[in-house]
C-alpha atoms as a PDB file:
ATOM      1  CA  UNK A   1     102.248  62.136  13.500  1.00  0.00           C
ATOM      2  CA  UNK A   2     104.596  59.106  13.660  1.00  0.00           C
ATOM      3  CA  UNK A   3     103.885  55.837  11.863  1.00  0.00           C
ATOM      4  CA  UNK A   4     103.237  54.159  15.222  1.00  0.00           C
ATOM      5  CA  UNK A   5     100.684  56.757  16.269  1.00  0.00           C
ATOM      6  CA  UNK A   6      99.032  56.578  12.825  1.00  0.00           C
ATOM      7  CA  UNK A   7      98.754  52.779  13.058  1.00  0.00           C
ATOM      8  CA  UNK A   8      97.214  52.912  16.530  1.00  0.00           C
ATOM      9  CA  UNK A   9      94.722  55.556  15.372  1.00  0.00           C
ATOM     10  CA  UNK A  10      93.697  53.483  12.336  1.00  0.00           C
ATOM     11  CA  UNK A  11      93.205  50.338  14.432  1.00  0.00           C
ATOM     12  CA  UNK A  12      91.185  52.338  16.957  1.00  0.00           C
ATOM     13  CA  UNK A  13      88.902  53.487  14.160  1.00  0.00           C
ATOM     14  CA  UNK A  14      88.491  49.921  12.880  1.00  0.00           C
ATOM     15  CA  UNK A  15      87.682  48.631  16.357  1.00  0.00           C
ATOM     16  CA  UNK A  16      85.135  51.415  16.907  1.00  0.00           C
ATOM     17  CA  UNK A  17      83.443  50.494  13.603  1.00  0.00           C
ATOM     18  CA  UNK A  18      83.320  46.769  14.381  1.00  0.00           C
ATOM     19  CA  UNK A  19      81.849  47.437  17.825  1.00  0.00           C
ATOM     20  CA  UNK A  20      78.629  48.366  16.057  1.00  0.00           C
ATOM     21  CA  UNK A  21      78.259  44.733  14.971  1.00  0.00           C
ATOM     22  CA  UNK A  22      79.938  42.650  17.717  1.00  0.00           C
ATOM     23  CA  UNK A  23      80.893  42.682  21.421  1.00  0.00           C
ATOM     24  CA  UNK A  24      84.212  44.301  22.346  1.00  0.00           C
ATOM     25  CA  UNK A  25      85.988  41.050  23.271  1.00  0.00           C
ATOM     26  CA  UNK A  26      85.061  39.455  19.939  1.00  0.00           C
ATOM     27  CA  UNK A  27      86.174  42.545  18.012  1.00  0.00           C
ATOM     28  CA  UNK A  28      89.598  42.450  19.678  1.00  0.00           C
ATOM     29  CA  UNK A  29      90.002  38.809  18.699  1.00  0.00           C
ATOM     30  CA  UNK A  30      89.103  39.514  15.071  1.00  0.00           C
ATOM     31  CA  UNK A  31      91.605  42.387  14.882  1.00  0.00           C
ATOM     32  CA  UNK A  32      94.315  40.254  16.514  1.00  0.00           C
ATOM     33  CA  UNK A  33      93.682  37.374  14.070  1.00  0.00           C
ATOM     34  CA  UNK A  34      93.950  39.721  11.084  1.00  0.00           C
ATOM     35  CA  UNK A  35      97.250  41.099  12.373  1.00  0.00           C
ATOM     36  CA  UNK A  36      98.621  37.618  13.117  1.00  0.00           C
ATOM     37  CA  UNK A  37      97.698  36.507   9.604  1.00  0.00           C
ATOM     38  CA  UNK A  38      99.770  39.415   8.285  1.00  0.00           C
ATOM     39  CA  UNK A  39     102.750  38.152  10.407  1.00  0.00           C
ATOM     40  CA  UNK A  40     102.702  41.173  12.695  1.00  0.00           C
ATOM     41  CA  UNK A  41     104.921  40.481  15.800  1.00  0.00           C
ATOM     42  CA  UNK A  42     103.046  39.497  18.934  1.00  0.00           C
ATOM     43  CA  UNK A  43     104.090  42.574  20.995  1.00  0.00           C
ATOM     44  CA  UNK A  44     102.747  44.765  18.203  1.00  0.00           C
ATOM     45  CA  UNK A  45      99.497  42.769  18.051  1.00  0.00           C
ATOM     46  CA  UNK A  46      99.083  43.251  21.797  1.00  0.00           C
ATOM     47  CA  UNK A  47      99.557  47.010  21.410  1.00  0.00           C
ATOM     48  CA  UNK A  48      97.158  47.383  18.476  1.00  0.00           C
ATOM     49  CA  UNK A  49      94.384  44.960  19.484  1.00  0.00           C
ATOM     50  CA  UNK A  50      94.177  45.650  23.208  1.00  0.00           C
ATOM     51  CA  UNK A  51      94.363  41.946  24.122  1.00  0.00           C
ATOM     52  CA  UNK A  52      96.866  40.674  26.663  1.00  0.00           C
ATOM     53  CA  UNK A  53      99.941  38.782  25.463  1.00  0.00           C
ATOM     54  CA  UNK A  54      98.647  35.466  26.768  1.00  0.00           C
ATOM     55  CA  UNK A  55      95.402  35.785  24.785  1.00  0.00           C
ATOM     56  CA  UNK A  56      97.298  36.682  21.621  1.00  0.00           C
ATOM     57  CA  UNK A  57      99.580  33.671  21.974  1.00  0.00           C
ATOM     58  CA  UNK A  58      96.568  31.397  22.508  1.00  0.00           C
ATOM     59  CA  UNK A  59      94.968  32.817  19.358  1.00  0.00           C
ATOM     60  CA  UNK A  60      98.156  32.215  17.388  1.00  0.00           C
ATOM     61  CA  UNK A  61      98.380  28.626  18.629  1.00  0.00           C
ATOM     62  CA  UNK A  62      94.724  27.923  17.782  1.00  0.00           C
ATOM     63  CA  UNK A  63      95.166  29.391  14.302  1.00  0.00           C
ATOM     64  CA  UNK A  64      98.270  27.278  13.689  1.00  0.00           C
ATOM     65  CA  UNK A  65      96.350  24.140  14.719  1.00  0.00           C
ATOM     66  CA  UNK A  66      93.395  25.268  12.589  1.00  0.00           C
ATOM     67  CA  UNK A  67      91.226  25.035  15.675  1.00  0.00           C
ATOM     68  CA  UNK A  68      89.320  28.283  15.369  1.00  0.00           C
ATOM     69  CA  UNK A  69      85.788  26.961  15.928  1.00  0.00           C
ATOM     70  CA  UNK A  70      85.585  28.579  19.332  1.00  0.00           C
ATOM     71  CA  UNK A  71      87.486  31.768  18.583  1.00  0.00           C
ATOM     72  CA  UNK A  72      84.523  33.686  17.178  1.00  0.00           C
ATOM     73  CA  UNK A  73      82.084  32.742  19.935  1.00  0.00           C
ATOM     74  CA  UNK A  74      81.832  34.024  23.490  1.00  0.00           C
ATOM     75  CA  UNK A  75      81.321  31.839  26.561  1.00  0.00           C
ATOM     76  CA  UNK A  76      79.848  32.486  29.983  1.00  0.00           C
ATOM     77  CA  UNK A  77      78.091  35.615  28.840  1.00  0.00           C
ATOM     78  CA  UNK A  78      81.307  37.367  27.763  1.00  0.00           C
ATOM     79  CA  UNK A  79      80.607  40.687  26.165  1.00  0.00           C
ATOM     80  CA  UNK A  80      77.063  40.823  27.495  1.00  0.00           C
ATOM     81  CA  UNK A  81      75.825  43.758  29.502  1.00  0.00           C
ATOM     82  CA  UNK A  82      76.672  43.421  33.183  1.00  0.00           C
ATOM     83  CA  UNK A  83      73.648  43.001  35.454  1.00  0.00           C
ATOM     84  CA  UNK A  84      75.330  45.191  38.060  1.00  0.00           C
ATOM     85  CA  UNK A  85      76.151  48.059  35.711  1.00  0.00           C
ATOM     86  CA  UNK A  86      75.420  51.336  37.471  1.00  0.00           C
ATOM     87  CA  UNK A  87      75.316  49.590  40.870  1.00  0.00           C
ATOM     88  CA  UNK A  88      78.967  48.611  41.243  1.00  0.00           C
ATOM     89  CA  UNK A  89      79.962  51.543  43.442  1.00  0.00           C
ATOM     90  CA  UNK A  90      77.081  50.912  45.870  1.00  0.00           C
ATOM     91  CA  UNK A  91      77.741  47.157  45.952  1.00  0.00           C
ATOM     92  CA  UNK A  92      81.451  47.601  46.701  1.00  0.00           C
ATOM     93  CA  UNK A  93      80.604  50.152  49.411  1.00  0.00           C
ATOM     94  CA  UNK A  94      78.271  47.615  51.013  1.00  0.00           C
ATOM     95  CA  UNK A  95      80.958  44.902  50.832  1.00  0.00           C
ATOM     96  CA  UNK A  96      83.387  47.276  52.561  1.00  0.00           C
ATOM     97  CA  UNK A  97      80.849  48.052  55.294  1.00  0.00           C
ATOM     98  CA  UNK A  98      80.085  44.434  56.141  1.00  0.00           C
ATOM     99  CA  UNK A  99      81.883  41.212  57.017  1.00  0.00           C
ATOM    100  CA  UNK A 100      81.308  38.873  54.076  1.00  0.00           C
ATOM    101  CA  UNK A 101      83.274  35.618  54.212  1.00  0.00           C
ATOM    102  CA  UNK A 102      82.322  34.050  50.861  1.00  0.00           C
ATOM    103  CA  UNK A 103      81.403  35.166  47.361  1.00  0.00           C
ATOM    104  CA  UNK A 104      78.074  33.374  47.773  1.00  0.00           C
ATOM    105  CA  UNK A 105      77.259  35.631  50.719  1.00  0.00           C
ATOM    106  CA  UNK A 106      77.994  38.657  48.537  1.00  0.00           C
ATOM    107  CA  UNK A 107      75.810  37.264  45.736  1.00  0.00           C
ATOM    108  CA  UNK A 108      72.965  36.775  48.240  1.00  0.00           C
ATOM    109  CA  UNK A 109      73.466  40.315  49.526  1.00  0.00           C
ATOM    110  CA  UNK A 110      73.257  41.754  45.991  1.00  0.00           C
ATOM    111  CA  UNK A 111      70.015  39.886  45.344  1.00  0.00           C
ATOM    112  CA  UNK A 112      68.497  40.954  48.665  1.00  0.00           C
ATOM    113  CA  UNK A 113      69.535  44.622  48.681  1.00  0.00           C
ATOM    114  CA  UNK A 114      69.674  45.429  44.971  1.00  0.00           C
ATOM    115  CA  UNK A 115      67.158  42.908  43.555  1.00  0.00           C
ATOM    116  CA  UNK A 116      69.738  41.635  41.058  1.00  0.00           C
ATOM    117  CA  UNK A 117      70.517  37.922  40.822  1.00  0.00           C
ATOM    118  CA  UNK A 118      74.174  37.288  39.924  1.00  0.00           C
ATOM    119  CA  UNK A 119      76.374  34.209  39.851  1.00  0.00           C
ATOM    120  CA  UNK A 120      79.351  33.570  42.111  1.00  0.00           C
ATOM    121  CA  UNK A 121      81.563  33.888  39.008  1.00  0.00           C
ATOM    122  CA  UNK A 122      80.112  37.336  38.278  1.00  0.00           C
ATOM    123  CA  UNK A 123      80.807  38.345  41.887  1.00  0.00           C
ATOM    124  CA  UNK A 124      84.429  37.207  41.485  1.00  0.00           C
ATOM    125  CA  UNK A 125      84.827  39.383  38.376  1.00  0.00           C
ATOM    126  CA  UNK A 126      83.218  42.352  40.112  1.00  0.00           C
ATOM    127  CA  UNK A 127      85.503  42.075  43.143  1.00  0.00           C
ATOM    128  CA  UNK A 128      88.645  41.667  41.033  1.00  0.00           C
ATOM    129  CA  UNK A 129      87.706  44.637  38.858  1.00  0.00           C
ATOM    130  CA  UNK A 130      87.374  46.844  41.950  1.00  0.00           C
ATOM    131  CA  UNK A 131      90.491  45.631  43.742  1.00  0.00           C
ATOM    132  CA  UNK A 132      88.643  43.784  46.503  1.00  0.00           C
ATOM    133  CA  UNK A 133      90.607  40.741  47.734  1.00  0.00           C
ATOM    134  CA  UNK A 134      89.937  37.926  50.189  1.00  0.00           C
ATOM    135  CA  UNK A 135      92.261  38.825  53.068  1.00  0.00           C
ATOM    136  CA  UNK A 136      92.943  36.978  56.284  1.00  0.00           C
ATOM    137  CA  UNK A 137      91.436  38.832  59.234  1.00  0.00           C
ATOM    138  CA  UNK A 138      93.738  40.021  61.973  1.00  0.00           C
ATOM    139  CA  UNK A 139      92.870  40.016  65.663  1.00  0.00           C
ATOM    140  CA  UNK A 140      93.669  41.891  68.833  1.00  0.00           C
ATOM    141  CA  UNK A 141      92.684  41.302  72.482  1.00  0.00           C
ATOM    142  CA  UNK A 142      89.298  42.797  73.309  1.00  0.00           C
ATOM    143  CA  UNK A 143      90.622  44.262  76.579  1.00  0.00           C
ATOM    144  CA  UNK A 144      93.838  45.697  75.114  1.00  0.00           C
ATOM    145  CA  UNK A 145      94.490  49.350  75.953  1.00  0.00           C
ATOM    146  CA  UNK A 146      96.137  50.819  72.840  1.00  0.00           C
ATOM    147  CA  UNK A 147      97.078  54.034  74.636  1.00  0.00           C
ATOM    148  CA  UNK A 148      98.945  52.176  77.395  1.00  0.00           C
ATOM    149  CA  UNK A 149     100.642  49.984  74.808  1.00  0.00           C
ATOM    150  CA  UNK A 150     101.875  53.045  72.923  1.00  0.00           C
ATOM    151  CA  UNK A 151     103.138  54.666  76.133  1.00  0.00           C
ATOM    152  CA  UNK A 152     104.928  51.442  77.131  1.00  0.00           C
ATOM    153  CA  UNK A 153     106.561  51.098  73.723  1.00  0.00           C
ATOM    154  CA  UNK A 154     107.683  54.728  73.466  1.00  0.00           C
ATOM    155  CA  UNK A 155     108.727  55.145  77.079  1.00  0.00           C
ATOM    156  CA  UNK A 156     110.167  51.740  77.937  1.00  0.00           C
ATOM    157  CA  UNK A 157     110.493  49.164  75.167  1.00  0.00           C
ATOM    158  CA  UNK A 158     111.965  51.190  72.331  1.00  0.00           C
ATOM    159  CA  UNK A 159     114.689  52.780  74.516  1.00  0.00           C
ATOM    160  CA  UNK A 160     115.679  49.278  75.694  1.00  0.00           C
ATOM    161  CA  UNK A 161     115.817  48.095  72.085  1.00  0.00           C
ATOM    162  CA  UNK A 162     118.095  50.997  71.167  1.00  0.00           C
ATOM    163  CA  UNK A 163     120.445  50.259  74.082  1.00  0.00           C
ATOM    164  CA  UNK A 164     120.539  46.591  73.110  1.00  0.00           C
ATOM    165  CA  UNK A 165     121.349  47.450  69.483  1.00  0.00           C
ATOM    166  CA  UNK A 166     124.321  49.501  70.681  1.00  0.00           C
ATOM    167  CA  UNK A 167     125.504  46.617  72.852  1.00  0.00           C
ATOM    168  CA  UNK A 168     125.135  48.633  76.023  1.00  0.00           C
ATOM    169  CA  UNK A 169     122.627  46.313  77.713  1.00  0.00           C
ATOM    170  CA  UNK A 170     120.917  42.973  77.028  1.00  0.00           C
ATOM    171  CA  UNK A 171     117.236  42.675  76.173  1.00  0.00           C
ATOM    172  CA  UNK A 172     115.398  39.342  76.276  1.00  0.00           C
ATOM    173  CA  UNK A 173     111.786  38.503  75.438  1.00  0.00           C
ATOM    174  CA  UNK A 174     110.429  35.580  77.478  1.00  0.00           C
ATOM    175  CA  UNK A 175     107.251  33.531  77.165  1.00  0.00           C
ATOM    176  CA  UNK A 176     106.025  29.933  77.296  1.00  0.00           C
ATOM    177  CA  UNK A 177     104.334  27.984  74.509  1.00  0.00           C
ATOM    178  CA  UNK A 178     102.315  24.803  74.936  1.00  0.00           C
ATOM    179  CA  UNK A 179     102.305  22.274  72.080  1.00  0.00           C
ATOM    180  CA  UNK A 180      99.461  19.737  72.251  1.00  0.00           C
ATOM    181  CA  UNK A 181     100.171  16.609  70.199  1.00  0.00           C
ATOM    182  CA  UNK A 182      97.552  15.964  67.514  1.00  0.00           C
ATOM    183  CA  UNK A 183      95.762  19.292  67.923  1.00  0.00           C
ATOM    184  CA  UNK A 184      95.723  22.598  66.053  1.00  0.00           C
ATOM    185  CA  UNK A 185      98.389  21.739  63.500  1.00  0.00           C
ATOM    186  CA  UNK A 186      96.377  21.197  60.331  1.00  0.00           C
ATOM    187  CA  UNK A 187      97.176  23.627  57.521  1.00  0.00           C
ATOM    188  CA  UNK A 188      96.817  24.110  53.763  1.00  0.00           C
ATOM    189  CA  UNK A 189      98.484  21.779  51.245  1.00  0.00           C
ATOM    190  CA  UNK A 190      98.737  22.468  47.516  1.00  0.00           C
ATOM    191  CA  UNK A 191      97.299  19.699  45.352  1.00  0.00           C
ATOM    192  CA  UNK A 192      94.531  18.752  42.939  1.00  0.00           C
ATOM    193  CA  UNK A 193      92.554  16.923  45.615  1.00  0.00           C
ATOM    194  CA  UNK A 194      91.938  17.495  49.303  1.00  0.00           C
ATOM    195  CA  UNK A 195      94.254  15.587  51.655  1.00  0.00           C
ATOM    196  CA  UNK A 196      93.658  14.052  55.068  1.00  0.00           C
ATOM    197  CA  UNK A 197      96.334  13.790  57.744  1.00  0.00           C
ATOM    198  CA  UNK A 198      96.374  11.266  60.584  1.00  0.00           C
ATOM    199  CA  UNK A 199      96.011  12.783  64.030  1.00  0.00           C
ATOM    200  CA  UNK A 200      96.980  11.333  67.376  1.00  0.00           C
ATOM    201  CA  UNK A 201      94.606  10.583  70.218  1.00  0.00           C
ATOM    202  CA  UNK A 202      95.014  12.124  73.638  1.00  0.00           C
ATOM    203  CA  UNK A 203      96.203  15.560  74.606  1.00  0.00           C
ATOM    204  CA  UNK A 204      99.827  15.154  75.683  1.00  0.00           C
ATOM    205  CA  UNK A 205     101.521  18.541  75.933  1.00  0.00           C
ATOM    206  CA  UNK A 206     105.075  19.640  75.424  1.00  0.00           C
ATOM    207  CA  UNK A 207     105.695  22.925  77.232  1.00  0.00           C
ATOM    208  CA  UNK A 208     108.592  25.194  76.319  1.00  0.00           C
ATOM    209  CA  UNK A 209     109.579  28.316  78.221  1.00  0.00           C
ATOM    210  CA  UNK A 210     111.796  30.380  75.944  1.00  0.00           C
ATOM    211  CA  UNK A 211     113.834  33.576  76.081  1.00  0.00           C
ATOM    212  CA  UNK A 212     115.108  35.212  72.869  1.00  0.00           C
ATOM    213  CA  UNK A 213     117.977  37.717  72.779  1.00  0.00           C
ATOM    214  CA  UNK A 214     116.817  40.810  70.862  1.00  0.00           C
ATOM    215  CA  UNK A 215     120.303  41.525  69.479  1.00  0.00           C
ATOM    216  CA  UNK A 216     121.921  38.131  68.854  1.00  0.00           C
ATOM    217  CA  UNK A 217     118.638  36.176  68.308  1.00  0.00           C
ATOM    218  CA  UNK A 218     119.999  33.460  70.599  1.00  0.00           C
ATOM    219  CA  UNK A 219     117.269  31.287  72.135  1.00  0.00           C
ATOM    220  CA  UNK A 220     117.338  29.768  75.628  1.00  0.00           C
ATOM    221  CA  UNK A 221     114.721  27.194  76.635  1.00  0.00           C
ATOM    222  CA  UNK A 222     113.424  25.236  79.608  1.00  0.00           C
ATOM    223  CA  UNK A 223     110.930  22.479  78.779  1.00  0.00           C
ATOM    224  CA  UNK A 224     108.784  19.693  80.252  1.00  0.00           C
ATOM    225  CA  UNK A 225     105.660  17.668  79.505  1.00  0.00           C
ATOM    226  CA  UNK A 226     103.684  18.665  82.621  1.00  0.00           C
ATOM    227  CA  UNK A 227     103.246  22.386  83.438  1.00  0.00           C
ATOM    228  CA  UNK A 228     105.187  25.637  83.362  1.00  0.00           C
ATOM    229  CA  UNK A 229     105.290  27.064  86.869  1.00  0.00           C
ATOM    230  CA  UNK A 230     107.378  29.440  88.936  1.00  0.00           C
ATOM    231  CA  UNK A 231     109.909  26.602  89.273  1.00  0.00           C
ATOM    232  CA  UNK A 232     110.641  26.648  85.533  1.00  0.00           C
ATOM    233  CA  UNK A 233     110.750  30.456  85.500  1.00  0.00           C
ATOM    234  CA  UNK A 234     113.377  30.404  88.267  1.00  0.00           C
ATOM    235  CA  UNK A 235     115.312  27.755  86.340  1.00  0.00           C
ATOM    236  CA  UNK A 236     115.271  30.050  83.299  1.00  0.00           C
ATOM    237  CA  UNK A 237     116.480  33.008  85.393  1.00  0.00           C
ATOM    238  CA  UNK A 238     119.466  31.009  86.652  1.00  0.00           C
ATOM    239  CA  UNK A 239     120.277  29.971  83.080  1.00  0.00           C
ATOM    240  CA  UNK A 240     120.093  33.583  81.901  1.00  0.00           C
ATOM    241  CA  UNK A 241     122.239  34.833  84.790  1.00  0.00           C
ATOM    242  CA  UNK A 242     124.897  32.236  83.949  1.00  0.00           C
ATOM    243  CA  UNK A 243     124.889  33.014  80.206  1.00  0.00           C
ATOM    244  CA  UNK A 244     124.969  36.796  80.692  1.00  0.00           C
ATOM    245  CA  UNK A 245     127.134  37.048  83.799  1.00  0.00           C
ATOM    246  CA  UNK A 246     128.357  40.588  84.432  1.00  0.00           C
ATOM    247  CA  UNK A 247     125.882  42.190  82.015  1.00  0.00           C
ATOM    248  CA  UNK A 248     122.814  44.354  82.568  1.00  0.00           C
ATOM    249  CA  UNK A 249     119.869  42.173  81.538  1.00  0.00           C
ATOM    250  CA  UNK A 250     116.254  43.254  80.978  1.00  0.00           C
ATOM    251  CA  UNK A 251     113.598  40.548  80.507  1.00  0.00           C
ATOM    252  CA  UNK A 252     110.281  41.434  78.870  1.00  0.00           C
ATOM    253  CA  UNK A 253     107.488  39.111  80.040  1.00  0.00           C
ATOM    254  CA  UNK A 254     103.730  39.045  80.516  1.00  0.00           C
ATOM    255  CA  UNK A 255     101.696  39.172  83.695  1.00  0.00           C
ATOM    256  CA  UNK A 256     101.092  35.452  84.202  1.00  0.00           C
ATOM    257  CA  UNK A 257     100.712  34.779  87.923  1.00  0.00           C
ATOM    258  CA  UNK A 258     103.614  32.306  88.061  1.00  0.00           C
ATOM    259  CA  UNK A 259     105.892  35.009  86.605  1.00  0.00           C
ATOM    260  CA  UNK A 260     105.012  37.640  89.223  1.00  0.00           C
ATOM    261  CA  UNK A 261     104.995  35.589  92.416  1.00  0.00           C
ATOM    262  CA  UNK A 262     107.211  36.423  95.385  1.00  0.00           C
ATOM    263  CA  UNK A 263     109.814  33.687  94.723  1.00  0.00           C
ATOM    264  CA  UNK A 264     110.271  34.750  91.098  1.00  0.00           C
ATOM    265  CA  UNK A 265     110.667  38.443  91.929  1.00  0.00           C
ATOM    266  CA  UNK A 266     113.045  37.678  94.816  1.00  0.00           C
ATOM    267  CA  UNK A 267     115.280  35.492  92.655  1.00  0.00           C
ATOM    268  CA  UNK A 268     115.348  38.090  89.861  1.00  0.00           C
ATOM    269  CA  UNK A 269     116.470  40.741  92.371  1.00  0.00           C
ATOM    270  CA  UNK A 270     119.100  38.392  93.783  1.00  0.00           C
ATOM    271  CA  UNK A 271     120.498  37.653  90.308  1.00  0.00           C
ATOM    272  CA  UNK A 272     120.353  41.295  89.220  1.00  0.00           C
ATOM    273  CA  UNK A 273     117.775  40.724  86.455  1.00  0.00           C
ATOM    274  CA  UNK A 274     115.404  43.571  85.568  1.00  0.00           C
ATOM    275  CA  UNK A 275     111.871  42.283  84.941  1.00  0.00           C
ATOM    276  CA  UNK A 276     109.913  44.429  82.477  1.00  0.00           C
ATOM    277  CA  UNK A 277     106.225  43.483  82.664  1.00  0.00           C
ATOM    278  CA  UNK A 278     104.037  44.199  79.637  1.00  0.00           C
ATOM    279  CA  UNK A 279     100.771  46.118  79.915  1.00  0.00           C
ATOM    280  CA  UNK A 280      97.823  43.727  80.403  1.00  0.00           C
ATOM    281  CA  UNK A 281      96.570  41.938  77.255  1.00  0.00           C
ATOM    282  CA  UNK A 282      99.593  42.878  75.146  1.00  0.00           C
ATOM    283  CA  UNK A 283     100.972  39.714  73.485  1.00  0.00           C
ATOM    284  CA  UNK A 284     101.649  41.849  70.387  1.00  0.00           C
ATOM    285  CA  UNK A 285     104.497  43.565  72.286  1.00  0.00           C
ATOM    286  CA  UNK A 286     106.227  40.318  73.261  1.00  0.00           C
ATOM    287  CA  UNK A 287     108.280  39.531  70.166  1.00  0.00           C
ATOM    288  CA  UNK A 288     108.900  35.899  71.106  1.00  0.00           C
ATOM    289  CA  UNK A 289     105.231  35.254  70.263  1.00  0.00           C
ATOM    290  CA  UNK A 290     106.247  35.566  66.599  1.00  0.00           C
ATOM    291  CA  UNK A 291     108.745  32.743  67.011  1.00  0.00           C
ATOM    292  CA  UNK A 292     106.146  30.461  68.571  1.00  0.00           C
ATOM    293  CA  UNK A 293     103.878  31.112  65.607  1.00  0.00           C
ATOM    294  CA  UNK A 294     106.725  30.173  63.253  1.00  0.00           C
ATOM    295  CA  UNK A 295     107.463  26.961  65.187  1.00  0.00           C
ATOM    296  CA  UNK A 296     103.802  25.905  65.117  1.00  0.00           C
ATOM    297  CA  UNK A 297     103.689  26.630  61.395  1.00  0.00           C
ATOM    298  CA  UNK A 298     106.595  24.210  60.868  1.00  0.00           C
ATOM    299  CA  UNK A 299     104.606  21.508  62.686  1.00  0.00           C
ATOM    300  CA  UNK A 300     101.551  21.807  60.453  1.00  0.00           C
ATOM    301  CA  UNK A 301     100.124  19.030  58.289  1.00  0.00           C
ATOM    302  CA  UNK A 302     102.481  16.329  59.539  1.00  0.00           C
ATOM    303  CA  UNK A 303     101.805  13.159  61.516  1.00  0.00           C
ATOM    304  CA  UNK A 304     103.917  12.189  64.509  1.00  0.00           C
ATOM    305  CA  UNK A 305     103.567   8.552  65.529  1.00  0.00           C
ATOM    306  CA  UNK A 306     104.808   9.057  69.076  1.00  0.00           C
ATOM    307  CA  UNK A 307     105.151  11.784  71.674  1.00  0.00           C
ATOM    308  CA  UNK A 308     108.979  11.520  71.718  1.00  0.00           C
ATOM    309  CA  UNK A 309     109.004  12.082  67.940  1.00  0.00           C
ATOM    310  CA  UNK A 310     106.700  15.085  68.377  1.00  0.00           C
ATOM    311  CA  UNK A 311     108.908  16.510  71.120  1.00  0.00           C
ATOM    312  CA  UNK A 312     112.116  15.921  69.157  1.00  0.00           C
ATOM    313  CA  UNK A 313     110.678  17.685  66.132  1.00  0.00           C
ATOM    314  CA  UNK A 314     109.837  20.767  68.230  1.00  0.00           C
ATOM    315  CA  UNK A 315     113.337  20.797  69.729  1.00  0.00           C
ATOM    316  CA  UNK A 316     114.856  20.508  66.245  1.00  0.00           C
ATOM    317  CA  UNK A 317     112.821  23.463  64.958  1.00  0.00           C
ATOM    318  CA  UNK A 318     113.830  25.595  67.943  1.00  0.00           C
ATOM    319  CA  UNK A 319     117.485  24.623  67.452  1.00  0.00           C
ATOM    320  CA  UNK A 320     117.246  25.641  63.792  1.00  0.00           C
ATOM    321  CA  UNK A 321     116.416  29.197  64.831  1.00  0.00           C
ATOM    322  CA  UNK A 322     120.059  29.895  65.627  1.00  0.00           C
ATOM    323  CA  UNK A 323     121.480  28.721  62.288  1.00  0.00           C
ATOM    324  CA  UNK A 324     119.448  27.479  59.282  1.00  0.00           C
ATOM    325  CA  UNK A 325     116.514  29.754  60.112  1.00  0.00           C
ATOM    326  CA  UNK A 326     118.469  32.668  61.581  1.00  0.00           C
ATOM    327  CA  UNK A 327     117.446  34.882  58.648  1.00  0.00           C
ATOM    328  CA  UNK A 328     113.791  34.140  59.425  1.00  0.00           C
ATOM    329  CA  UNK A 329     114.319  35.034  63.078  1.00  0.00           C
ATOM    330  CA  UNK A 330     116.031  38.299  62.106  1.00  0.00           C
ATOM    331  CA  UNK A 331     112.972  39.300  60.080  1.00  0.00           C
ATOM    332  CA  UNK A 332     110.611  38.439  62.918  1.00  0.00           C
ATOM    333  CA  UNK A 333     112.550  40.020  65.796  1.00  0.00           C
ATOM    334  CA  UNK A 334     113.117  43.733  65.207  1.00  0.00           C
ATOM    335  CA  UNK A 335     112.076  47.170  66.407  1.00  0.00           C
ATOM    336  CA  UNK A 336     108.820  47.096  64.472  1.00  0.00           C
ATOM    337  CA  UNK A 337     105.828  46.193  66.653  1.00  0.00           C
ATOM    338  CA  UNK A 338     102.068  46.125  66.108  1.00  0.00           C
ATOM    339  CA  UNK A 339     100.139  48.634  68.213  1.00  0.00           C
ATOM    340  CA  UNK A 340      96.387  49.017  67.782  1.00  0.00           C
ATOM    341  CA  UNK A 341      96.016  52.776  68.238  1.00  0.00           C
ATOM    342  CA  UNK A 342      95.711  53.317  64.478  1.00  0.00           C
ATOM    343  CA  UNK A 343      92.444  51.421  63.992  1.00  0.00           C
ATOM    344  CA  UNK A 344      89.071  52.859  63.038  1.00  0.00           C
ATOM    345  CA  UNK A 345      85.707  51.208  63.766  1.00  0.00           C
ATOM    346  CA  UNK A 346      84.133  49.790  60.598  1.00  0.00           C
ATOM    347  CA  UNK A 347      81.179  47.879  62.018  1.00  0.00           C
ATOM    348  CA  UNK A 348      80.467  46.284  65.434  1.00  0.00           C
ATOM    349  CA  UNK A 349      83.648  44.550  66.713  1.00  0.00           C
ATOM    350  CA  UNK A 350      85.441  45.021  63.369  1.00  0.00           C
ATOM    351  CA  UNK A 351      88.161  47.583  62.701  1.00  0.00           C
ATOM    352  CA  UNK A 352      90.376  48.698  59.828  1.00  0.00           C
ATOM    353  CA  UNK A 353      93.630  50.620  59.715  1.00  0.00           C
ATOM    354  CA  UNK A 354      92.726  54.299  59.649  1.00  0.00           C
ATOM    355  CA  UNK A 355      93.907  56.106  56.528  1.00  0.00           C
END
């Protein structure tokens, strides 16, 4: 047996003996303090005592400052027997089965179903111990047909992506986004206190019809502050035809009525543009949606004192997609798409990714 193994075995025996008289956390502190007093290096103290490096360093600092009054006492019930001992597996299973939004809801559930009253802090420790995290919920359209989406992706979209990657044909994703000044742009801000942002009155809208090139990530736009109609779609088609003259162009777009009307289809045929309509309720397959989400994220938690300033900021963000933020665009626009045929029902209207 090596000296290292012998030392670890001896310290294990000492810890086991001391556990008869004191809680485990307190025993580890005592052992660490003894080792620190003997000038044992911190990494070695961590190995022998079982404490984390941060705790050992805090002990060493407190000992150096002769502030050890609180080192041999436990706070917040540390070292005490857990009220949920023996029930953890059932509690976590119940959390996984339900939709609990707060730790207080989980604490209430534990009291109601298991007749055990626990604090929110205890719930936090229980969740962390079992790898349960607070995750943002995803969403998908209630009427989406996952089978049709998969068939569209495999049979139409992916082959077009592959042709575009080889430079054989051009693939564009087109969609409109509507930015309402003063609405829906509040987000999270790091700080010690909560912050409040001015918002503007009224509901003036800035509408942008965009088309993103799958290969080059180049963005074309048509915008106004009224409505997006077939007129703007036709304007976009003429812009695309001019920019990609002599090339085979496919445009992926949704089934909005103004994008399927007779004038739009006639102009597309005249200009030689191939319109590829998505299956109904399939925004997840239109990759330009990811760019609109990015643009709206850049608008969050800021005040714009006038509509022109609001509009100019949106234009500046869109312009940045071709240069300063090109790396971001490249991550967002790729062959990977989200299709919902891999979900399993967890509880009513809630799904998880099937394992």
